[in-house]
Protein backbone atom coordinates (compact mmCIF):
# COMPACT_ATOMS: atom_id res chain seq x y z
CA MET A 1 0.00 0.00 0.00
CA LYS A 2 1.15 3.54 -0.81
CA ILE A 3 0.45 6.83 0.93
CA THR A 4 -1.93 7.84 -1.89
CA ASP A 5 -4.10 4.77 -1.17
CA LEU A 6 -4.86 5.91 2.39
CA LYS A 7 -8.12 7.45 3.62
CA PRO A 8 -9.24 10.23 3.77
CA GLU A 9 -7.82 10.50 0.27
CA ILE A 10 -7.75 14.28 -0.01
CA VAL A 11 -5.72 14.75 3.18
CA TRP A 12 -3.17 12.10 2.25
CA LYS A 13 -3.01 13.45 -1.31
CA PHE A 14 -1.86 16.81 -0.06
CA PHE A 15 0.39 15.35 2.63
CA HIS A 16 2.13 13.35 -0.10
CA GLN A 17 2.61 16.55 -2.09
CA VAL A 18 4.02 18.28 0.99
CA THR A 19 6.55 15.46 1.54
CA GLN A 20 7.85 16.02 -1.99
CA VAL A 21 8.82 19.63 -1.23
CA PRO A 22 12.09 20.19 0.68
CA ARG A 23 11.34 22.49 3.64
CA PRO A 24 14.08 22.67 6.29
CA SER A 25 13.68 25.39 8.88
CA LYS A 26 14.90 28.75 7.55
CA LYS A 27 14.91 27.30 4.02
CA GLU A 28 11.18 27.29 3.25
CA GLY A 29 11.49 28.99 -0.15
CA LYS A 30 10.43 25.92 -2.13
CA MET A 31 7.47 25.37 0.21
CA ILE A 32 6.39 28.99 -0.21
CA GLN A 33 6.54 28.55 -4.00
CA TYR A 34 4.43 25.40 -3.71
CA LEU A 35 1.80 27.20 -1.60
CA GLU A 36 1.71 30.11 -4.06
CA SER A 37 1.22 27.67 -6.95
CA PHE A 38 -1.55 25.93 -5.01
CA ALA A 39 -3.36 29.23 -4.43
CA LYS A 40 -3.12 30.10 -8.11
CA GLU A 41 -4.41 26.68 -9.20
CA TYR A 42 -7.42 26.75 -6.86
CA LYS A 43 -8.03 30.51 -7.22
CA ILE A 44 -7.53 31.14 -3.49
CA ALA A 45 -6.79 34.63 -2.16
CA ILE A 46 -3.24 34.71 -0.78
CA LYS A 47 -0.84 37.15 0.82
CA LYS A 48 2.69 36.87 2.20
CA ASP A 49 4.41 38.94 4.87
CA ALA A 50 8.04 40.01 5.08
CA ALA A 51 9.00 36.91 7.10
CA GLY A 52 7.53 34.51 4.53
CA ASN A 53 4.35 33.61 6.44
CA ILE A 54 1.47 32.81 4.09
CA LEU A 55 -2.23 33.58 4.66
CA MET A 56 -4.91 32.15 2.37
CA SER A 57 -8.55 33.21 2.72
CA LYS A 58 -11.73 31.47 1.64
CA PRO A 59 -15.29 32.79 1.99
CA ALA A 60 -18.02 30.95 3.84
CA THR A 61 -20.08 28.26 2.20
CA PRO A 62 -23.76 29.24 1.57
CA GLY A 63 -25.69 29.72 4.79
CA LYS A 64 -22.57 30.10 6.96
CA GLU A 65 -21.76 33.72 6.16
CA ASN A 66 -22.74 34.94 9.63
CA LEU A 67 -20.15 32.78 11.43
CA PRO A 68 -16.99 34.39 12.85
CA VAL A 69 -13.76 34.06 10.89
CA VAL A 70 -11.78 30.97 11.92
CA VAL A 71 -8.01 30.78 11.43
CA LEU A 72 -6.53 27.33 10.73
CA GLN A 73 -2.82 27.35 11.49
CA SER A 74 0.19 25.11 10.95
CA HIS A 75 3.91 25.59 10.30
CA MET A 76 5.49 24.74 6.99
CA ASP A 77 9.03 23.82 8.11
CA MET A 78 10.22 20.43 9.39
CA VAL A 79 12.99 19.02 11.58
CA CYS A 80 15.65 17.38 9.40
CA GLU A 81 17.25 14.33 11.06
CA LYS A 82 18.50 11.12 9.46
CA ASN A 83 20.08 7.88 10.54
CA ASN A 84 23.79 7.20 10.11
CA GLY A 85 24.26 5.71 6.66
CA THR A 86 21.10 7.25 5.21
CA VAL A 87 21.90 9.24 2.09
CA HIS A 88 19.49 12.18 1.96
CA ASP A 89 19.82 15.86 1.07
CA PHE A 90 17.07 17.70 2.95
CA ASP A 91 17.63 20.82 0.83
CA ASN A 92 16.77 19.02 -2.39
CA ASP A 93 15.42 15.49 -1.88
CA PRO A 94 11.76 14.52 -1.28
CA ILE A 95 10.87 12.44 1.75
CA GLU A 96 10.38 8.75 0.96
CA THR A 97 7.31 7.49 2.85
CA ILE A 98 6.58 3.91 3.89
CA VAL A 99 3.29 2.42 5.07
CA ASP A 100 4.24 0.14 7.95
CA GLY A 101 1.12 -1.59 9.26
CA ASP A 102 -0.95 1.00 11.15
CA TRP A 103 1.68 3.70 10.76
CA LEU A 104 3.24 5.89 8.09
CA LYS A 105 6.96 6.62 8.47
CA ALA A 106 9.92 7.74 6.35
CA ASN A 107 12.87 5.77 5.04
CA GLY A 108 15.65 6.63 7.48
CA THR A 109 14.70 10.28 7.96
CA THR A 110 12.22 12.39 9.84
CA LEU A 111 8.79 12.21 8.22
CA GLY A 112 7.79 15.85 8.57
CA ALA A 113 4.26 15.04 9.72
CA ASP A 114 5.20 17.64 12.32
CA ASN A 115 3.64 19.78 10.96
CA GLY A 116 3.11 18.73 7.36
CA ILE A 117 -0.10 16.92 8.25
CA GLY A 118 -1.52 20.23 9.50
CA VAL A 119 -0.51 21.92 6.25
CA ALA A 120 -2.16 19.09 4.30
CA ALA A 121 -5.44 19.42 6.22
CA GLU A 122 -5.58 23.15 5.53
CA LEU A 123 -4.92 22.61 1.82
CA ALA A 124 -7.58 19.89 1.69
CA ILE A 125 -10.18 22.28 3.11
CA LEU A 126 -9.13 25.09 0.78
CA ALA A 127 -9.28 22.80 -2.28
CA SER A 128 -12.66 21.24 -1.42
CA ASP A 129 -16.06 22.52 -2.47
CA ASP A 130 -18.15 20.10 -0.37
CA ILE A 131 -17.10 21.08 3.18
CA GLU A 132 -19.35 23.32 5.29
CA HIS A 133 -17.59 26.20 7.00
CA GLY A 134 -17.81 29.88 7.79
CA PRO A 135 -15.21 32.33 6.52
CA ILE A 136 -11.76 30.85 7.06
CA GLU A 137 -8.17 31.99 6.95
CA CYS A 138 -5.34 29.47 6.64
CA LEU A 139 -2.07 30.61 8.17
CA PHE A 140 1.18 28.84 7.27
CA THR A 141 4.13 30.03 9.36
CA VAL A 142 7.85 29.66 8.70
CA ASP A 143 10.65 28.54 10.98
CA GLU A 144 8.68 27.17 13.90
CA GLU A 145 11.23 24.51 14.70
CA THR A 146 14.33 26.67 15.16
CA GLY A 147 13.04 29.73 16.95
CA LEU A 148 9.38 30.37 16.06
CA THR A 149 10.61 33.37 14.11
CA GLY A 150 7.65 33.31 11.73
CA ALA A 151 5.16 33.60 14.56
CA LYS A 152 7.33 36.23 16.25
CA ALA A 153 7.36 38.33 13.07
CA LEU A 154 3.61 38.08 12.47
CA GLU A 155 2.21 41.60 12.35
CA LYS A 156 -1.01 42.88 13.86
CA GLY A 157 -3.78 42.90 11.26
CA PHE A 158 -2.22 40.24 9.02
CA MET A 159 -5.09 37.92 9.94
CA THR A 160 -8.60 38.89 11.02
CA GLY A 161 -9.97 35.74 12.65
CA GLU A 162 -11.33 35.66 16.19
CA ILE A 163 -10.86 31.91 16.64
CA LEU A 164 -7.64 29.99 15.94
CA LEU A 165 -7.31 26.24 15.50
CA ASN A 166 -3.66 25.21 15.81
CA LEU A 167 -3.12 21.89 14.01
CA ASP A 168 0.26 21.06 15.57
CA SER A 169 -0.54 18.62 18.39
CA GLU A 170 0.37 14.95 18.46
CA ASP A 171 -2.29 12.90 20.24
CA GLU A 172 -5.71 12.27 18.70
CA GLY A 173 -8.47 12.61 21.25
CA GLU A 174 -6.59 15.25 23.22
CA ILE A 175 -7.45 18.92 22.92
CA PHE A 176 -4.80 21.32 24.14
CA MET A 177 -5.57 24.66 25.78
CA GLY A 178 -2.09 25.73 26.89
CA CYS A 179 1.62 25.18 26.31
CA ALA A 180 5.02 25.88 27.81
CA GLY A 181 7.24 28.82 27.01
CA GLY A 182 10.86 28.29 26.07
CA LYS A 183 14.32 29.83 26.11
CA ASP A 184 17.69 28.84 24.62
CA THR A 185 21.00 29.04 26.45
CA GLN A 186 24.31 28.73 24.60
CA ALA A 187 27.81 28.38 26.01
CA GLU A 188 30.98 29.16 24.06
CA PHE A 189 34.30 27.65 25.11
CA TYR A 190 37.40 29.11 23.48
CA TYR A 191 40.31 26.67 23.38
CA ASN A 192 43.94 26.68 22.42
CA PRO A 193 44.63 24.14 19.64
CA LEU A 194 47.83 22.19 20.28
CA ASN A 195 49.70 19.70 18.13
CA THR A 196 48.93 16.08 18.86
CA SER A 197 51.65 13.74 20.10
CA PRO A 198 52.99 10.88 17.97
CA ASN A 199 53.50 8.93 21.21
CA LEU A 200 49.75 8.49 21.79
CA GLN A 201 47.24 6.25 20.06
CA TYR A 202 43.95 7.76 18.93
CA PHE A 203 40.43 6.41 19.26
CA ILE A 204 36.89 7.53 18.57
CA ILE A 205 34.43 6.89 21.39
CA ASP A 206 30.97 6.71 19.88
CA VAL A 207 27.48 6.77 21.40
CA ARG A 208 24.68 5.85 19.00
CA GLY A 209 21.50 3.80 18.58
CA LEU A 210 19.37 6.05 20.78
CA ASN A 211 15.82 6.94 19.79
CA GLY A 212 16.11 10.66 20.39
CA GLY A 213 12.84 12.55 20.30
CA HIS A 214 11.11 15.84 21.00
CA SER A 215 12.69 17.72 23.89
CA GLY A 216 9.27 18.98 24.98
CA GLY A 217 6.71 16.30 24.25
CA GLU A 218 8.99 13.37 25.13
CA ILE A 219 11.29 14.77 27.81
CA HIS A 220 9.34 12.91 30.53
CA LYS A 221 10.15 9.49 29.06
CA GLY A 222 13.69 9.38 30.39
CA LEU A 223 15.16 8.77 26.94
CA GLY A 224 18.92 8.56 26.66
CA ASN A 225 20.80 11.73 25.76
CA ALA A 226 23.98 10.93 23.83
CA ASN A 227 25.70 14.12 25.01
CA LYS A 228 25.13 13.26 28.65
CA ILE A 229 26.23 9.65 28.19
CA LEU A 230 29.44 10.70 26.44
CA ALA A 231 30.15 13.34 29.10
CA ARG A 232 29.67 10.78 31.86
CA PHE A 233 32.26 8.48 30.33
CA LEU A 234 34.75 11.26 29.63
CA TYR A 235 34.41 12.37 33.25
CA ILE A 236 35.21 8.85 34.49
CA MET A 237 38.17 8.67 32.10
CA GLN A 238 39.41 12.00 33.39
CA GLN A 239 39.40 10.72 36.95
CA ASN A 240 41.46 7.66 36.07
CA PHE A 241 43.69 8.33 33.08
CA ASP A 242 45.75 11.01 31.37
CA PHE A 243 44.39 11.54 27.87
CA THR A 244 43.96 14.30 25.31
CA LEU A 245 40.64 15.37 23.80
CA CYS A 246 41.02 16.10 20.11
CA SER A 247 37.40 16.69 19.10
CA ILE A 248 33.85 16.28 20.34
CA ASP A 249 30.51 16.38 18.55
CA GLY A 250 26.98 15.50 19.60
CA GLY A 251 23.35 16.26 18.87
CA ASN A 252 21.98 18.76 16.39
CA LEU A 253 18.79 20.67 17.11
CA ARG A 254 17.85 22.59 20.25
CA ASN A 255 14.43 20.89 20.39
CA ALA A 256 15.65 17.33 19.84
CA ILE A 257 17.11 14.96 22.43
CA ALA A 258 20.59 14.04 21.19
CA ARG A 259 20.68 10.59 19.55
CA GLU A 260 24.38 10.42 18.68
CA ALA A 261 27.66 11.81 20.04
CA HIS A 262 31.34 11.03 19.70
CA ALA A 263 34.76 12.19 20.84
CA ILE A 264 38.26 11.52 19.53
CA VAL A 265 40.81 11.00 22.30
CA GLY A 266 44.52 10.27 22.51
CA LEU A 267 45.62 7.52 24.94
CA TYR A 268 48.94 6.23 26.11
CA PRO A 269 49.47 2.74 24.65
CA GLU A 270 49.58 1.14 28.11
CA ASP A 271 46.12 2.57 28.95
CA LYS A 272 44.11 1.68 25.87
CA GLU A 273 42.98 -1.77 27.00
CA LYS A 274 42.14 -0.48 30.48
CA VAL A 275 39.98 2.22 28.93
CA ARG A 276 38.33 -0.34 26.68
CA VAL A 277 37.47 -2.52 29.69
CA MET A 278 36.14 0.56 31.50
CA LEU A 279 33.98 1.40 28.49
CA ASN A 280 32.57 -2.13 28.40
CA HIS A 281 31.55 -1.90 32.07
CA PHE A 282 30.12 1.58 31.54
CA ALA A 283 28.19 0.42 28.45
CA ALA A 284 26.63 -2.39 30.46
CA ASP A 285 25.46 0.14 33.05
CA ILE A 286 23.95 2.39 30.38
CA GLU A 287 22.22 -0.55 28.68
CA ASN A 288 20.68 -1.51 32.02
CA GLU A 289 19.58 2.06 32.75
CA LEU A 290 17.94 2.50 29.35
CA LYS A 291 16.69 -1.03 28.64
CA HIS A 292 13.03 0.01 28.74
CA VAL A 293 13.30 3.19 26.65
CA ASP A 294 16.45 2.90 24.49
CA PRO A 295 17.24 -0.81 24.13
CA ASN A 296 19.46 -0.28 21.07
CA VAL A 297 21.99 2.06 22.67
CA LEU A 298 25.53 1.25 21.57
CA LEU A 299 28.89 2.50 22.86
CA THR A 300 32.02 1.68 20.87
CA MET A 301 35.74 2.54 20.79
CA GLU A 302 37.68 2.25 17.54
CA SER A 303 41.13 3.28 16.34
CA VAL A 304 41.44 6.37 14.12
CA GLU A 305 44.23 8.20 12.36
CA ARG A 306 46.13 10.73 14.43
CA PRO A 307 44.39 14.13 14.22
CA ALA A 308 46.51 17.23 13.60
CA THR A 309 45.47 19.12 16.73
CA ARG A 310 43.89 18.68 20.13
CA ILE A 311 42.12 20.84 22.72
CA ASP A 312 44.33 22.25 25.47
CA ASN A 313 44.21 20.41 28.81
CA GLU A 314 42.64 23.18 30.89
CA ARG A 315 39.74 23.67 28.48
CA THR A 316 39.27 19.91 28.16
CA GLN A 317 38.85 19.61 31.90
CA GLN A 318 36.47 22.59 32.13
CA LEU A 319 34.34 21.34 29.22
CA ILE A 320 34.00 17.81 30.63
CA TYR A 321 33.15 19.12 34.09
CA ALA A 322 30.50 21.45 32.66
CA LEU A 323 28.87 18.81 30.45
CA GLN A 324 28.81 16.37 33.37
CA ALA A 325 27.24 18.99 35.66
CA CYS A 326 24.78 20.47 33.16
CA PRO A 327 21.22 19.39 34.05
CA HIS A 328 19.10 17.57 31.51
CA GLY A 329 15.53 16.31 31.69
CA VAL A 330 12.51 17.05 33.85
CA ILE A 331 13.16 19.68 36.52
CA GLY A 332 9.64 19.92 37.94
CA MET A 333 6.06 18.69 37.47
CA SER A 334 2.97 20.90 37.36
CA HIS A 335 0.91 21.36 40.51
CA ASP A 336 -2.05 22.60 38.41
CA ILE A 337 -2.43 19.84 35.82
CA GLU A 338 -1.72 16.27 36.91
CA GLY A 339 0.94 14.51 34.86
CA LEU A 340 2.10 17.66 33.03
CA VAL A 341 5.80 18.45 33.00
CA GLU A 342 6.13 22.01 34.25
CA THR A 343 9.85 22.71 33.75
CA SER A 344 12.63 20.94 31.84
CA THR A 345 15.97 21.48 30.13
CA ASN A 346 17.68 19.78 27.20
CA LEU A 347 21.44 19.45 26.63
CA ALA A 348 20.92 19.57 22.90
CA SER A 349 24.24 19.86 21.08
CA VAL A 350 28.02 20.13 21.36
CA LYS A 351 29.74 21.44 18.23
CA MET A 352 33.26 22.54 17.30
CA LYS A 353 33.18 25.75 15.26
CA GLU A 354 35.67 27.86 13.33
CA GLY A 355 37.74 30.18 15.47
CA ASN A 356 38.64 27.49 18.05
CA ILE A 357 35.17 27.55 19.60
CA ILE A 358 33.21 24.71 21.17
CA LEU A 359 29.53 25.68 21.15
CA VAL A 360 27.15 23.97 23.58
CA GLY A 361 23.43 24.41 22.83
CA THR A 362 20.69 23.90 25.41
CA SER A 363 16.98 24.73 25.63
CA GLN A 364 14.71 25.30 28.62
CA ARG A 365 10.91 25.08 28.86
CA SER A 366 8.35 25.88 31.51
CA SER A 367 4.68 26.72 31.80
CA ILE A 368 5.68 29.21 34.54
CA GLU A 369 7.76 32.14 33.29
CA SER A 370 9.78 32.54 36.49
CA CYS A 371 10.70 28.83 36.48
CA LYS A 372 11.77 29.05 32.84
CA ILE A 373 14.16 31.87 33.72
CA ALA A 374 15.38 30.09 36.86
CA VAL A 375 16.38 26.90 35.02
CA ALA A 376 17.97 28.92 32.20
CA ASN A 377 20.04 30.70 34.84
CA GLN A 378 20.93 27.36 36.46
CA VAL A 379 22.30 26.11 33.14
CA ALA A 380 24.08 29.43 32.55
CA ALA A 381 25.72 29.27 35.99
CA THR A 382 27.04 25.78 35.27
CA PHE A 383 28.91 26.99 32.20
CA LEU A 384 29.96 30.32 33.68
CA LEU A 385 31.68 28.45 36.50
CA ALA A 386 33.60 26.53 33.83
CA GLY A 387 34.81 29.73 32.19
CA ALA A 388 32.51 29.75 29.19
CA LYS A 389 30.82 32.75 27.59
CA VAL A 390 27.05 32.34 28.00
CA THR A 391 24.23 33.92 25.97
CA HIS A 392 20.45 33.49 26.03
CA GLY A 393 17.99 33.61 23.15
CA ASP A 394 14.93 35.86 23.30
CA GLY A 395 12.70 32.88 24.09
CA TYR A 396 8.98 32.69 23.56
CA PRO A 397 6.02 32.97 25.90
CA GLY A 398 3.82 30.18 27.13
CA TRP A 399 0.10 29.98 26.40
CA ALA A 400 -1.85 30.21 29.63
CA PRO A 401 -4.81 27.78 29.75
CA ASN A 402 -8.30 29.31 29.41
CA PRO A 403 -10.82 26.79 30.79
CA ASN A 404 -13.65 29.19 29.83
CA SER A 405 -12.76 29.13 26.13
CA LYS A 406 -15.86 29.00 23.91
CA ILE A 407 -14.12 27.13 21.10
CA LEU A 408 -12.85 24.60 23.62
CA LYS A 409 -16.42 23.90 24.69
CA VAL A 410 -17.56 23.43 21.08
CA ALA A 411 -14.61 21.13 20.40
CA GLN A 412 -15.50 19.02 23.44
CA GLU A 413 -19.16 18.79 22.43
CA THR A 414 -18.48 17.87 18.81
CA TYR A 415 -15.95 15.23 19.79
CA LYS A 416 -18.46 13.62 22.17
CA GLN A 417 -21.18 13.68 19.49
CA LEU A 418 -18.91 12.06 16.90
CA PHE A 419 -17.23 9.38 18.98
CA ASN A 420 -19.47 8.94 22.03
CA LYS A 421 -16.59 9.57 24.40
CA ASP A 422 -14.94 12.55 26.00
CA ALA A 423 -11.84 14.16 24.60
CA LYS A 424 -9.03 14.75 27.08
CA ILE A 425 -8.44 18.42 27.82
CA MET A 426 -4.72 19.01 28.22
CA ALA A 427 -1.86 21.45 28.31
CA ILE A 428 1.37 20.49 26.53
CA HIS A 429 4.97 20.87 27.62
CA ALA A 430 6.14 21.37 24.05
CA GLY A 431 6.19 24.90 22.68
CA LEU A 432 3.44 26.01 20.32
CA GLU A 433 3.14 29.26 18.41
CA CYS A 434 -0.10 30.13 20.22
CA GLY A 435 1.57 32.15 22.98
CA LEU A 436 3.17 34.40 20.36
CA PHE A 437 -0.13 34.87 18.55
CA LEU A 438 -1.71 36.03 21.79
CA GLU A 439 0.89 38.79 22.11
CA LYS A 440 -0.30 40.32 18.81
CA TYR A 441 -3.94 39.19 18.99
CA PRO A 442 -4.85 39.17 22.71
CA ASN A 443 -8.54 38.37 22.07
CA LEU A 444 -7.95 35.16 20.13
CA ASP A 445 -9.85 32.09 21.34
CA MET A 446 -7.60 29.09 20.62
CA ILE A 447 -7.22 25.34 20.88
CA SER A 448 -4.68 22.92 19.43
CA PHE A 449 -5.37 19.37 18.26
CA GLY A 450 -4.01 16.83 15.81
CA PRO A 451 -3.61 13.15 14.92
CA THR A 452 -1.26 10.80 16.78
CA LEU A 453 2.45 11.18 16.04
CA ARG A 454 5.31 9.42 17.76
CA ASP A 455 9.09 9.99 17.99
CA VAL A 456 8.90 13.36 16.26
CA HIS A 457 12.21 15.14 15.63
CA SER A 458 13.86 11.76 15.07
CA PRO A 459 14.16 9.35 12.11
CA ASN A 460 11.64 7.13 13.93
CA GLU A 461 8.94 9.78 13.48
CA ARG A 462 5.65 8.19 12.44
CA ILE A 463 1.96 9.00 12.23
CA GLU A 464 -0.87 6.62 13.12
CA ILE A 465 -2.91 6.32 9.95
CA LYS A 466 -6.39 5.75 11.43
CA THR A 467 -6.11 8.79 13.71
CA VAL A 468 -5.82 11.10 10.71
CA GLY A 469 -9.37 10.12 9.70
CA LEU A 470 -10.67 10.65 13.24
CA TRP A 471 -8.98 14.04 13.54
CA TRP A 472 -10.18 15.10 10.08
CA ALA A 473 -13.76 14.16 10.92
CA HIS A 474 -13.56 16.18 14.14
CA LEU A 475 -12.05 19.18 12.35
CA LEU A 476 -14.84 19.24 9.77
CA GLU A 477 -17.56 18.83 12.40
CA LEU A 478 -16.01 21.62 14.44
CA LEU A 479 -15.93 24.01 11.46
CA LYS A 480 -19.57 23.21 10.73
CA SER A 481 -20.55 23.81 14.37
CA ILE A 482 -18.90 27.18 15.04
CA PRO A 483 -21.62 29.28 16.75
CA ALA A 484 -22.80 32.45 15.04
CA LYS A 485 -21.52 35.81 16.28
């Protein structure tokens, strides 16, 4: 079975088209061209702002003209992650989709259902002439995944709707009425590159096989973080052996839990077997710790050619201490909503940059603004103590829950009518663009809902096929049931 054989056909048709368009964050030009071509083909009114956000408008179907304007919203960019050995150019290649039983996934890469399925649903509604709805506006934002810059740049008056349906959630049957805010913290270590010694032997210590995942929606699962695992082992090595650190690399995106990390080290010949035995014992401990959530974790040590340079000893020690000390994971649970992560932090990436810089990227989230700032400061203090230069991103606000929301009530009622069961009303620890919309449009009434996705922001990302039909049916019923002004 192929993606184009799935039901509802019109949604999967457009999702397939979306997967064929390269759309990395900050490189959405081809996606914008596709949306402009779509609007021209279906004679849909369209406008674009300076940031690249797209708004398409469609009048009400007959008899629905007196309903308030509803904004349907999704983001057009996707997280670009692939497995080791997968040959894929996210700037130019389409995503190869695979139907795997009850799920749709990609071949060794992220699928981009986050948030391509939301884009597809909007396009399906715009292209259809047999769906009842009031006046609608479809907003497609850029660069949600690496800073929410599209939503930040959205100007007052660009859209006119009073109700916004965000289509970027990941559990069918759950309606979200709030989300966490976020902030990035970066640490820069400047090091002195020194020549490597011909008297040492050189090895790459590699951590791989982890699932990774979304640093908001999946932070509570206790998934392995390759950066933390590597730092733990380097710390133990530092306590027991003299070695040189030549390079280190781990993770990629601020909102993804690191799946892979490695370091190249120089060892004295008499120590190499002792280090290998230590790694074997350490690997067994990690496998035991992660057996329920990351059973395929793998730690290896292999010989490599002698690198030209290494990191100076003082900076090596400071970096390892800081990475070992840096918090990662859930910091606190909500006292307002049972089971909701309130505050967390993610040790996202460690990268060597030009200019003899090691750049450590982290991200913090919380549904309480003061807690978000507190954990960002905790991370900053860790790296400041190690002599790094620390900077913070602007961050983005949370979306405070509104239990009196009128659209929330309609969404609950329509879900119960359709499926004879209650939807779960939730807040989400992941960041959504809704908090930023509220800054520009403080009177918006909003909810977020979507089909079931799993392992987003990783090559294991997949979408449960049957939930797309359930979500689509609910979306159409909700549009039909919007109360008159």
